Structure formats: structure tokens, C-alpha cells
N, C-alpha and C. Protein backbone atom coordinates (compact mmCIF):
# COMPACT_ATOMS: atom_id res chain seq x y z
N MET A 1 24.41 -22.77 43.36
CA MET A 1 25.05 -22.80 42.13
C MET A 1 26.14 -23.99 42.11
N LEU A 2 26.27 -24.43 40.95
CA LEU A 2 27.00 -25.65 40.52
C LEU A 2 28.16 -25.33 39.69
N ILE A 3 29.41 -25.56 40.28
CA ILE A 3 30.49 -25.05 39.58
C ILE A 3 31.19 -26.29 39.10
N GLY A 4 31.76 -26.43 37.71
CA GLY A 4 32.58 -27.41 37.32
C GLY A 4 34.14 -27.03 37.49
N VAL A 5 34.73 -28.04 38.03
CA VAL A 5 36.05 -27.76 38.25
C VAL A 5 37.18 -28.59 37.53
N ILE A 6 38.11 -27.96 36.91
CA ILE A 6 38.76 -28.67 35.84
C ILE A 6 40.21 -28.09 36.07
N SER A 7 41.28 -29.10 36.04
CA SER A 7 42.70 -28.34 35.91
C SER A 7 43.53 -29.47 34.88
N ASP A 8 44.73 -28.94 34.74
CA ASP A 8 45.79 -29.92 33.99
C ASP A 8 45.14 -30.66 33.12
N THR A 9 44.80 -29.84 31.98
CA THR A 9 43.88 -30.47 30.83
C THR A 9 45.05 -30.77 29.83
N HIS A 10 46.24 -29.97 29.74
CA HIS A 10 47.15 -30.20 28.94
C HIS A 10 46.86 -30.34 27.29
N GLY A 11 45.90 -29.57 26.74
CA GLY A 11 45.40 -29.59 25.44
C GLY A 11 44.64 -30.91 25.28
N ASP A 12 44.35 -31.63 25.93
CA ASP A 12 43.36 -32.86 25.33
C ASP A 12 42.02 -32.61 25.30
N HIS A 13 41.55 -32.37 24.16
CA HIS A 13 39.85 -31.99 24.01
C HIS A 13 39.02 -33.04 24.04
N GLY A 14 39.52 -34.27 23.82
CA GLY A 14 38.73 -35.44 24.10
C GLY A 14 38.42 -35.66 25.65
N ALA A 15 39.53 -35.58 26.47
CA ALA A 15 39.23 -35.63 27.90
C ALA A 15 38.23 -34.41 28.49
N ILE A 16 38.57 -33.35 27.80
CA ILE A 16 37.49 -32.08 28.17
C ILE A 16 36.05 -32.42 27.71
N GLU A 17 36.05 -32.91 26.84
CA GLU A 17 34.56 -33.21 26.14
C GLU A 17 34.05 -34.17 26.99
N ARG A 18 34.96 -35.21 27.42
CA ARG A 18 34.29 -36.24 28.47
C ARG A 18 33.66 -35.43 29.80
N VAL A 19 34.68 -34.73 30.18
CA VAL A 19 34.36 -34.14 31.42
C VAL A 19 33.03 -33.31 31.41
N VAL A 20 33.05 -32.20 30.15
CA VAL A 20 31.88 -31.60 30.16
C VAL A 20 30.67 -32.22 30.06
N THR A 21 30.59 -33.51 29.17
CA THR A 21 29.47 -34.33 29.40
C THR A 21 29.06 -34.86 30.42
N ALA A 22 30.10 -35.54 31.42
CA ALA A 22 29.74 -36.22 32.50
C ALA A 22 29.41 -35.14 33.44
N ALA A 23 29.86 -33.80 33.50
CA ALA A 23 29.52 -32.79 34.37
C ALA A 23 27.97 -32.52 34.42
N GLY A 24 27.33 -32.48 33.24
CA GLY A 24 25.88 -32.22 32.98
C GLY A 24 25.81 -30.71 33.04
N ALA A 25 24.78 -30.31 33.70
CA ALA A 25 24.39 -28.81 33.67
C ALA A 25 25.12 -27.86 34.82
N VAL A 26 26.13 -27.38 34.63
CA VAL A 26 26.61 -26.65 35.75
C VAL A 26 26.57 -25.03 35.20
N ASP A 27 26.82 -24.17 36.15
CA ASP A 27 26.32 -22.72 36.11
C ASP A 27 27.93 -21.95 35.45
N MET A 28 28.91 -22.55 35.69
CA MET A 28 30.22 -22.10 35.46
C MET A 28 31.37 -23.08 35.57
N TRP A 29 32.54 -22.65 34.95
CA TRP A 29 33.64 -23.43 35.18
C TRP A 29 34.67 -22.82 35.61
N LEU A 30 35.60 -23.51 36.48
CA LEU A 30 36.94 -23.03 36.85
C LEU A 30 37.97 -23.94 36.42
N HIS A 31 39.12 -23.40 35.73
CA HIS A 31 40.14 -24.19 35.23
C HIS A 31 41.58 -23.73 36.21
N GLY A 32 41.94 -24.66 36.61
CA GLY A 32 42.99 -24.43 37.59
C GLY A 32 44.68 -24.57 37.01
N GLY A 33 44.48 -24.30 35.82
CA GLY A 33 45.80 -24.13 35.03
C GLY A 33 46.36 -25.09 34.51
N ASP A 34 47.54 -24.92 33.76
CA ASP A 34 48.31 -26.13 32.88
C ASP A 34 47.50 -26.28 31.70
N TYR A 35 47.62 -25.28 30.72
CA TYR A 35 46.89 -25.43 29.49
C TYR A 35 45.60 -24.51 29.91
N SER A 36 45.85 -23.57 30.48
CA SER A 36 44.55 -22.56 30.94
C SER A 36 43.91 -22.05 29.66
N GLN A 37 44.54 -21.98 28.58
CA GLN A 37 43.95 -21.52 27.17
C GLN A 37 42.97 -22.68 26.78
N ASP A 38 42.95 -23.93 27.45
CA ASP A 38 42.05 -24.95 27.13
C ASP A 38 40.49 -24.33 27.66
N SER A 39 40.61 -23.31 28.45
CA SER A 39 39.38 -22.69 28.84
C SER A 39 38.37 -22.23 27.89
N HIS A 40 39.26 -21.73 26.75
CA HIS A 40 38.37 -21.30 25.50
C HIS A 40 37.59 -22.46 24.85
N TYR A 41 38.23 -23.52 24.79
CA TYR A 41 37.60 -24.84 24.08
C TYR A 41 36.41 -24.97 25.09
N ILE A 42 36.51 -24.97 26.50
CA ILE A 42 35.32 -25.30 27.41
C ILE A 42 34.13 -24.48 27.10
N THR A 43 34.63 -23.21 27.08
CA THR A 43 33.40 -22.19 26.58
C THR A 43 32.78 -22.70 25.30
N LYS A 44 33.73 -22.69 24.54
CA LYS A 44 32.98 -23.08 23.11
C LYS A 44 32.09 -24.42 22.96
N ILE A 45 32.32 -25.48 23.96
CA ILE A 45 31.35 -26.58 23.97
C ILE A 45 30.26 -26.53 24.95
N SER A 46 30.55 -25.64 25.99
CA SER A 46 29.52 -25.53 27.00
C SER A 46 28.71 -24.42 26.97
N SER A 47 29.35 -23.27 26.25
CA SER A 47 28.57 -21.97 26.30
C SER A 47 28.57 -21.54 27.62
N LEU A 48 29.47 -21.64 28.37
CA LEU A 48 29.66 -20.95 29.81
C LEU A 48 30.86 -20.32 29.97
N PRO A 49 30.67 -19.63 31.21
CA PRO A 49 32.19 -18.71 31.17
C PRO A 49 32.93 -19.49 32.17
N VAL A 50 34.17 -19.42 31.70
CA VAL A 50 35.26 -19.99 32.51
C VAL A 50 36.36 -19.23 33.00
N ILE A 51 36.69 -19.34 34.29
CA ILE A 51 37.67 -18.49 34.71
C ILE A 51 38.90 -19.33 35.06
N ALA A 52 40.13 -18.84 34.42
CA ALA A 52 41.28 -19.80 34.52
C ALA A 52 42.40 -19.23 35.06
N VAL A 53 43.17 -20.07 35.64
CA VAL A 53 44.40 -19.35 36.12
C VAL A 53 45.70 -20.00 35.29
N ARG A 54 46.95 -19.32 35.41
CA ARG A 54 48.21 -19.75 34.69
C ARG A 54 48.76 -20.78 35.62
N GLY A 55 48.99 -21.89 34.90
CA GLY A 55 49.71 -23.09 35.57
C GLY A 55 51.59 -22.92 35.24
N ASN A 56 52.23 -23.77 35.70
CA ASN A 56 53.61 -23.86 35.38
C ASN A 56 53.96 -24.12 33.83
N CYS A 57 52.97 -24.90 33.24
CA CYS A 57 53.30 -25.27 31.77
C CYS A 57 52.56 -24.37 30.73
N ASP A 58 52.06 -23.17 31.49
CA ASP A 58 51.28 -22.52 30.32
C ASP A 58 52.10 -21.53 29.46
N GLY A 59 53.31 -21.00 29.88
CA GLY A 59 53.86 -19.89 28.93
C GLY A 59 53.30 -18.86 28.86
N TYR A 60 53.23 -18.13 27.80
CA TYR A 60 52.49 -16.81 27.92
C TYR A 60 51.09 -17.11 27.77
N THR A 61 50.43 -16.32 28.53
CA THR A 61 48.84 -16.53 28.38
C THR A 61 48.36 -15.15 29.03
N ASP A 62 47.32 -15.04 29.00
CA ASP A 62 46.51 -13.68 29.62
C ASP A 62 45.98 -13.99 30.78
N ALA A 63 45.84 -15.35 31.34
CA ALA A 63 45.50 -15.93 32.43
C ALA A 63 46.35 -15.30 33.59
N LYS A 64 45.53 -15.00 34.93
CA LYS A 64 46.52 -14.44 36.06
C LYS A 64 46.80 -16.02 36.67
N VAL A 65 47.87 -15.40 37.73
CA VAL A 65 48.39 -16.43 38.50
C VAL A 65 47.15 -16.97 39.60
N ASP A 66 46.56 -15.98 40.17
CA ASP A 66 45.65 -16.28 41.03
C ASP A 66 44.28 -15.45 40.70
N GLU A 67 43.23 -16.03 40.78
CA GLU A 67 42.00 -15.30 40.93
C GLU A 67 41.22 -15.54 42.20
N TYR A 68 40.38 -14.44 42.48
CA TYR A 68 39.50 -14.36 43.72
C TYR A 68 38.16 -14.21 43.23
N ILE A 69 37.55 -15.19 43.74
CA ILE A 69 35.96 -15.20 42.85
C ILE A 69 34.74 -15.17 44.16
N ASP A 70 33.96 -14.20 44.19
CA ASP A 70 32.96 -14.08 45.02
C ASP A 70 31.68 -14.74 44.34
N VAL A 71 31.31 -15.85 45.12
CA VAL A 71 30.03 -16.41 44.68
C VAL A 71 29.04 -16.60 45.67
N GLY A 72 28.10 -15.34 45.70
CA GLY A 72 27.51 -15.34 46.76
C GLY A 72 27.94 -15.04 48.07
N SER A 73 28.07 -15.50 49.31
CA SER A 73 28.66 -15.47 50.42
C SER A 73 29.89 -16.20 50.40
N VAL A 74 30.29 -16.97 49.24
CA VAL A 74 31.45 -17.76 49.48
C VAL A 74 32.44 -17.07 48.44
N LYS A 75 33.87 -17.25 48.92
CA LYS A 75 35.10 -16.58 48.53
C LYS A 75 35.91 -17.68 47.92
N ILE A 76 36.11 -17.68 46.79
CA ILE A 76 37.18 -18.78 46.11
C ILE A 76 38.52 -18.48 45.82
N TRP A 77 39.34 -19.05 46.15
CA TRP A 77 41.01 -18.75 45.79
C TRP A 77 41.10 -19.72 44.59
N LEU A 78 41.40 -19.23 43.64
CA LEU A 78 41.85 -20.30 42.34
C LEU A 78 43.31 -19.98 42.33
N THR A 79 44.04 -20.90 42.06
CA THR A 79 45.40 -20.89 41.92
C THR A 79 46.06 -22.22 41.39
N HIS A 80 47.04 -22.27 40.72
CA HIS A 80 47.53 -23.76 40.34
C HIS A 80 48.14 -24.32 41.44
N GLY A 81 48.79 -23.82 41.90
CA GLY A 81 49.72 -24.53 43.25
C GLY A 81 51.06 -24.69 43.15
N HIS A 82 51.67 -24.36 41.99
CA HIS A 82 53.08 -24.84 41.71
C HIS A 82 53.94 -23.82 42.59
N ARG A 83 53.48 -22.88 43.11
CA ARG A 83 54.37 -22.02 43.91
C ARG A 83 54.77 -22.18 45.30
N PHE A 84 54.04 -23.45 45.55
CA PHE A 84 54.08 -23.75 47.19
C PHE A 84 54.86 -24.97 47.15
N SER A 85 55.49 -24.98 48.28
CA SER A 85 56.30 -26.22 48.50
C SER A 85 55.62 -27.57 48.51
N PRO A 86 56.23 -28.68 47.83
CA PRO A 86 55.49 -30.00 47.58
C PRO A 86 55.05 -30.58 49.13
N HIS A 87 55.80 -30.30 49.94
CA HIS A 87 55.74 -31.04 51.15
C HIS A 87 54.85 -30.26 52.28
N GLU A 88 54.82 -28.99 52.08
CA GLU A 88 53.97 -28.08 52.82
C GLU A 88 52.48 -27.40 52.25
N ARG A 89 52.27 -27.98 50.93
CA ARG A 89 51.40 -26.95 49.98
C ARG A 89 50.27 -26.95 50.71
N ILE A 90 49.61 -28.01 51.24
CA ILE A 90 48.26 -28.09 51.93
C ILE A 90 48.22 -26.92 53.19
N THR A 91 49.37 -26.91 53.95
CA THR A 91 49.35 -26.09 54.96
C THR A 91 49.40 -24.76 54.42
N GLU A 92 50.39 -24.54 53.62
CA GLU A 92 50.47 -23.18 53.02
C GLU A 92 49.26 -22.67 52.29
N LEU A 93 48.57 -23.61 51.60
CA LEU A 93 47.16 -23.10 51.01
C LEU A 93 46.30 -22.79 51.80
N SER A 94 46.18 -23.63 53.06
CA SER A 94 45.11 -23.24 54.04
C SER A 94 45.41 -21.86 54.69
N TRP A 95 46.81 -21.60 55.22
CA TRP A 95 47.09 -20.55 55.75
C TRP A 95 46.77 -19.34 54.94
N TRP A 96 47.22 -19.49 53.56
CA TRP A 96 46.89 -18.18 52.97
C TRP A 96 45.43 -17.91 52.63
N ALA A 97 44.50 -19.06 52.51
CA ALA A 97 43.16 -18.94 52.18
C ALA A 97 42.74 -17.85 53.44
N ASP A 98 43.11 -18.41 54.67
CA ASP A 98 42.92 -17.68 55.77
C ASP A 98 42.98 -16.32 55.56
N GLN A 99 44.31 -16.00 55.25
CA GLN A 99 44.85 -14.71 55.16
C GLN A 99 43.77 -13.93 54.02
N TYR A 100 43.41 -14.51 53.08
CA TYR A 100 42.89 -13.93 51.90
C TYR A 100 40.98 -13.94 52.23
N GLY A 101 40.62 -14.41 53.27
CA GLY A 101 39.29 -14.61 53.40
C GLY A 101 38.61 -15.68 52.81
N ALA A 102 39.39 -16.51 52.17
CA ALA A 102 38.45 -17.49 50.96
C ALA A 102 38.18 -18.94 52.08
N GLN A 103 37.04 -19.18 51.66
CA GLN A 103 36.52 -20.50 52.31
C GLN A 103 37.05 -21.61 51.33
N ILE A 104 37.40 -21.47 50.09
CA ILE A 104 37.61 -22.54 49.18
C ILE A 104 38.96 -22.07 48.63
N VAL A 105 39.88 -23.15 48.60
CA VAL A 105 41.05 -22.96 47.72
C VAL A 105 40.85 -24.25 46.44
N ILE A 106 40.87 -23.91 45.41
CA ILE A 106 40.94 -24.72 44.28
C ILE A 106 42.50 -24.57 43.68
N SER A 107 43.11 -25.65 43.60
CA SER A 107 44.37 -25.87 42.91
C SER A 107 44.72 -26.97 42.03
N GLY A 108 45.71 -27.15 41.27
CA GLY A 108 45.79 -28.03 40.57
C GLY A 108 47.50 -28.56 40.70
N HIS A 109 48.00 -28.65 39.48
CA HIS A 109 49.43 -28.85 39.54
C HIS A 109 49.95 -30.45 39.91
N THR A 110 49.21 -31.08 40.88
CA THR A 110 50.05 -32.45 41.26
C THR A 110 49.08 -33.71 40.55
N HIS A 111 48.09 -33.26 39.84
CA HIS A 111 47.33 -34.34 38.89
C HIS A 111 46.71 -35.33 39.70
N VAL A 112 46.65 -34.94 41.22
CA VAL A 112 46.04 -36.00 42.06
C VAL A 112 44.80 -35.19 42.86
N ALA A 113 43.87 -35.88 42.78
CA ALA A 113 42.44 -35.31 43.36
C ALA A 113 42.69 -35.14 44.98
N TYR A 114 42.26 -34.17 45.47
CA TYR A 114 42.28 -33.88 46.93
C TYR A 114 41.01 -33.14 47.24
N ASN A 115 40.22 -33.59 48.24
CA ASN A 115 38.93 -32.79 48.69
C ASN A 115 38.87 -32.95 50.10
N LYS A 116 39.50 -32.20 50.72
CA LYS A 116 39.39 -32.16 52.34
C LYS A 116 39.42 -30.72 53.06
N TRP A 117 38.72 -30.70 54.13
CA TRP A 117 38.48 -29.32 54.90
C TRP A 117 39.71 -29.56 55.75
N HIS A 118 40.42 -28.41 55.90
CA HIS A 118 41.27 -27.91 56.87
C HIS A 118 40.84 -26.71 57.56
N ASN A 119 40.53 -27.22 58.97
CA ASN A 119 39.77 -26.08 59.82
C ASN A 119 38.62 -25.53 59.01
N HIS A 120 38.35 -24.42 58.76
CA HIS A 120 37.12 -23.73 57.96
C HIS A 120 37.46 -23.70 56.58
N VAL A 121 38.54 -24.23 55.94
CA VAL A 121 38.81 -24.00 54.55
C VAL A 121 38.90 -25.27 53.75
N LEU A 122 38.28 -25.15 52.60
CA LEU A 122 38.21 -26.53 51.81
C LEU A 122 39.16 -26.31 50.87
N ILE A 123 40.31 -27.30 50.82
CA ILE A 123 41.23 -27.45 49.91
C ILE A 123 40.81 -28.45 48.91
N PHE A 124 40.65 -28.01 47.67
CA PHE A 124 40.14 -28.86 46.43
C PHE A 124 40.98 -28.97 45.50
N ASN A 125 41.46 -30.01 45.03
CA ASN A 125 42.26 -30.27 43.58
C ASN A 125 41.32 -31.19 42.79
N PRO A 126 40.95 -30.93 41.61
CA PRO A 126 40.09 -31.89 40.90
C PRO A 126 40.90 -32.99 40.20
N GLY A 127 42.35 -32.97 40.26
CA GLY A 127 43.04 -33.90 39.48
C GLY A 127 43.30 -33.48 38.43
N SER A 128 43.42 -34.41 37.55
CA SER A 128 43.60 -34.20 35.90
C SER A 128 42.84 -35.12 34.91
N PRO A 129 42.03 -34.92 34.26
CA PRO A 129 41.28 -35.60 33.40
C PRO A 129 42.20 -36.19 32.28
N SER A 130 43.21 -35.67 31.96
CA SER A 130 43.98 -36.29 30.89
C SER A 130 45.26 -36.96 31.22
N ARG A 131 45.80 -36.51 32.18
CA ARG A 131 47.11 -37.14 32.64
C ARG A 131 47.01 -37.47 34.29
N PRO A 132 46.34 -38.18 34.77
CA PRO A 132 46.06 -38.46 36.14
C PRO A 132 47.60 -39.32 36.60
N ARG A 133 48.04 -38.95 37.81
CA ARG A 133 48.93 -39.75 38.43
C ARG A 133 48.84 -40.55 39.36
N CYS A 134 49.49 -41.42 39.86
CA CYS A 134 49.34 -42.50 41.13
C CYS A 134 48.30 -43.71 40.57
N SER A 135 48.31 -43.92 39.37
CA SER A 135 47.55 -44.87 38.85
C SER A 135 46.34 -44.47 38.85
N GLY A 136 45.58 -43.42 39.14
CA GLY A 136 44.47 -42.84 39.31
C GLY A 136 43.59 -42.87 37.98
N ALA A 137 42.25 -42.88 38.00
CA ALA A 137 41.47 -42.36 36.79
C ALA A 137 41.60 -40.80 36.71
N GLY A 138 41.23 -40.67 35.30
CA GLY A 138 41.11 -38.98 35.32
C GLY A 138 39.84 -38.61 35.89
N SER A 139 40.12 -37.23 36.36
CA SER A 139 39.09 -36.56 37.19
C SER A 139 38.73 -35.18 36.86
N PHE A 140 37.72 -34.68 37.67
CA PHE A 140 37.25 -33.47 37.68
C PHE A 140 36.49 -33.33 38.96
N GLY A 141 35.82 -31.87 39.01
CA GLY A 141 35.30 -32.01 40.41
C GLY A 141 34.10 -30.99 40.11
N LEU A 142 33.27 -31.20 41.06
CA LEU A 142 31.63 -30.34 41.19
C LEU A 142 31.68 -29.88 42.56
N ILE A 143 31.44 -28.32 42.47
CA ILE A 143 31.42 -27.81 43.92
C ILE A 143 30.03 -27.37 43.78
N ALA A 144 29.22 -27.57 44.75
CA ALA A 144 27.70 -26.93 44.85
C ALA A 144 27.84 -25.91 45.90
N LEU A 145 27.20 -24.74 45.76
CA LEU A 145 27.11 -23.60 46.81
C LEU A 145 25.88 -23.44 47.29
N GLY A 146 25.27 -23.66 48.25
CA GLY A 146 23.88 -23.22 48.62
C GLY A 146 23.53 -22.07 48.87
N ILE A 147 22.46 -21.62 48.63
CA ILE A 147 21.92 -20.12 48.98
C ILE A 147 22.38 -19.75 50.43
N ASP A 148 22.31 -20.85 51.39
CA ASP A 148 22.77 -20.56 52.71
C ASP A 148 24.30 -20.54 52.91
N GLY A 149 25.02 -20.60 52.03
CA GLY A 149 26.44 -20.61 52.17
C GLY A 149 27.11 -22.11 52.37
N SER A 150 26.17 -23.08 52.17
CA SER A 150 26.62 -24.43 52.37
C SER A 150 27.55 -24.63 51.26
N ILE A 151 28.53 -25.73 51.49
CA ILE A 151 29.54 -26.12 50.24
C ILE A 151 29.62 -27.50 50.53
N ASN A 152 29.38 -27.90 49.16
CA ASN A 152 29.53 -29.62 48.90
C ASN A 152 30.31 -29.70 47.83
N ALA A 153 31.59 -30.29 48.04
CA ALA A 153 32.43 -30.84 46.93
C ALA A 153 32.56 -32.30 46.49
N LYS A 154 32.67 -32.46 45.26
CA LYS A 154 33.22 -34.02 45.00
C LYS A 154 34.02 -34.20 43.96
N VAL A 155 34.77 -35.20 43.77
CA VAL A 155 35.75 -35.47 42.67
C VAL A 155 34.92 -36.58 41.98
N ILE A 156 35.11 -36.46 40.81
CA ILE A 156 34.38 -37.40 39.84
C ILE A 156 35.32 -37.83 38.88
N GLU A 157 35.41 -39.43 39.15
CA GLU A 157 36.46 -40.09 38.26
C GLU A 157 35.94 -40.41 36.91
N LEU A 158 36.92 -40.45 35.82
CA LEU A 158 36.64 -40.68 34.51
C LEU A 158 37.47 -41.88 34.16
N PRO A 159 36.76 -43.13 34.43
CA PRO A 159 37.51 -44.35 34.17
C PRO A 159 37.93 -44.43 32.70
N HIS A 160 37.50 -43.97 31.79
CA HIS A 160 37.89 -44.12 30.32
C HIS A 160 38.79 -43.23 29.68
N CYS A 161 39.21 -42.31 30.68
CA CYS A 161 40.16 -41.46 30.37
C CYS A 161 41.53 -42.04 30.18
N LYS A 162 42.52 -41.60 29.38
CA LYS A 162 43.76 -42.14 29.42
C LYS A 162 44.64 -42.22 30.73
């Protein structure tokens, strides 16, 4: 299964369209918050299901703060990440993922891509396609889950995004 991962879209439909085009054929989308309502636009242009969580810039939305998604033998914890200490965020996410039995944590909030294993947990942040920080390019992610439980994740940069 191939999962498209996006976060911190902030209502930028042009950036979302570039991401959906660049991602190609995926099986589903996950949105890590901050304009979780953009998930409806992603569904509209991709005809695919989207699971989204609420971020700190979402205000009222029907999106949950956390989602736990079972895909085959892999459990994914989807959270925006703003509720965790900036200096300890990765450590906290890894610890909580272990408590929840998640093999992958997907978060957003920082607008900076991150793709690293911490012990047996993948901490993955796709960055932001519309408002990247640290002079980086706009970005999104792809996570491939194998039938055997293998996990391969990558961050895709979009150099033409603002």
C-alpha cells in the first residue's frame, strides 16, 4: 500500500494540486493538520479517502486530535504534534508511539520534513507544501507498506512551491 502524507497546507489549493500530481497513484492520503479541512479538497481532486487530524491553526473542525490507523500489520499514529515540547518532541512522540503500539508516528506542525527511525518507531513529518521553513522547498511524503510489514518512507521536495 502506498500512502500519501501531507500536512500544514494552510488552505493553499495550488500547493495541494502540485502534491497530488507529484504523488501519482497512491491508495490513501493522511493529513497531519493545520487546515485539516483541506482534506475535503484532496478527496475532491484525487477521489481518494483522506484521514486528517486537527492542528493548532484549525479552530473548529470535526477532525480528531489523534487518529490511530491499522494498515495491515502496521499501526500508524497520526497527530499534529503541537501538544509536545519543541525541545523534546521527537523523544516524546517515540515514547508515546511505543505506549500505543504504533510503528509509525506521522506529525506536522514544524513545517520541516523529518524522516528517521528511533529504535523501532518511524517518526515522519512531511513538512509543508505551502509554507516550508528553514529555507527548504515545499514537501510532502510517501510511505510504502509492504505485505510483509516492511515500511519505506521518503520525503518529496516540491521546488516550485512558494
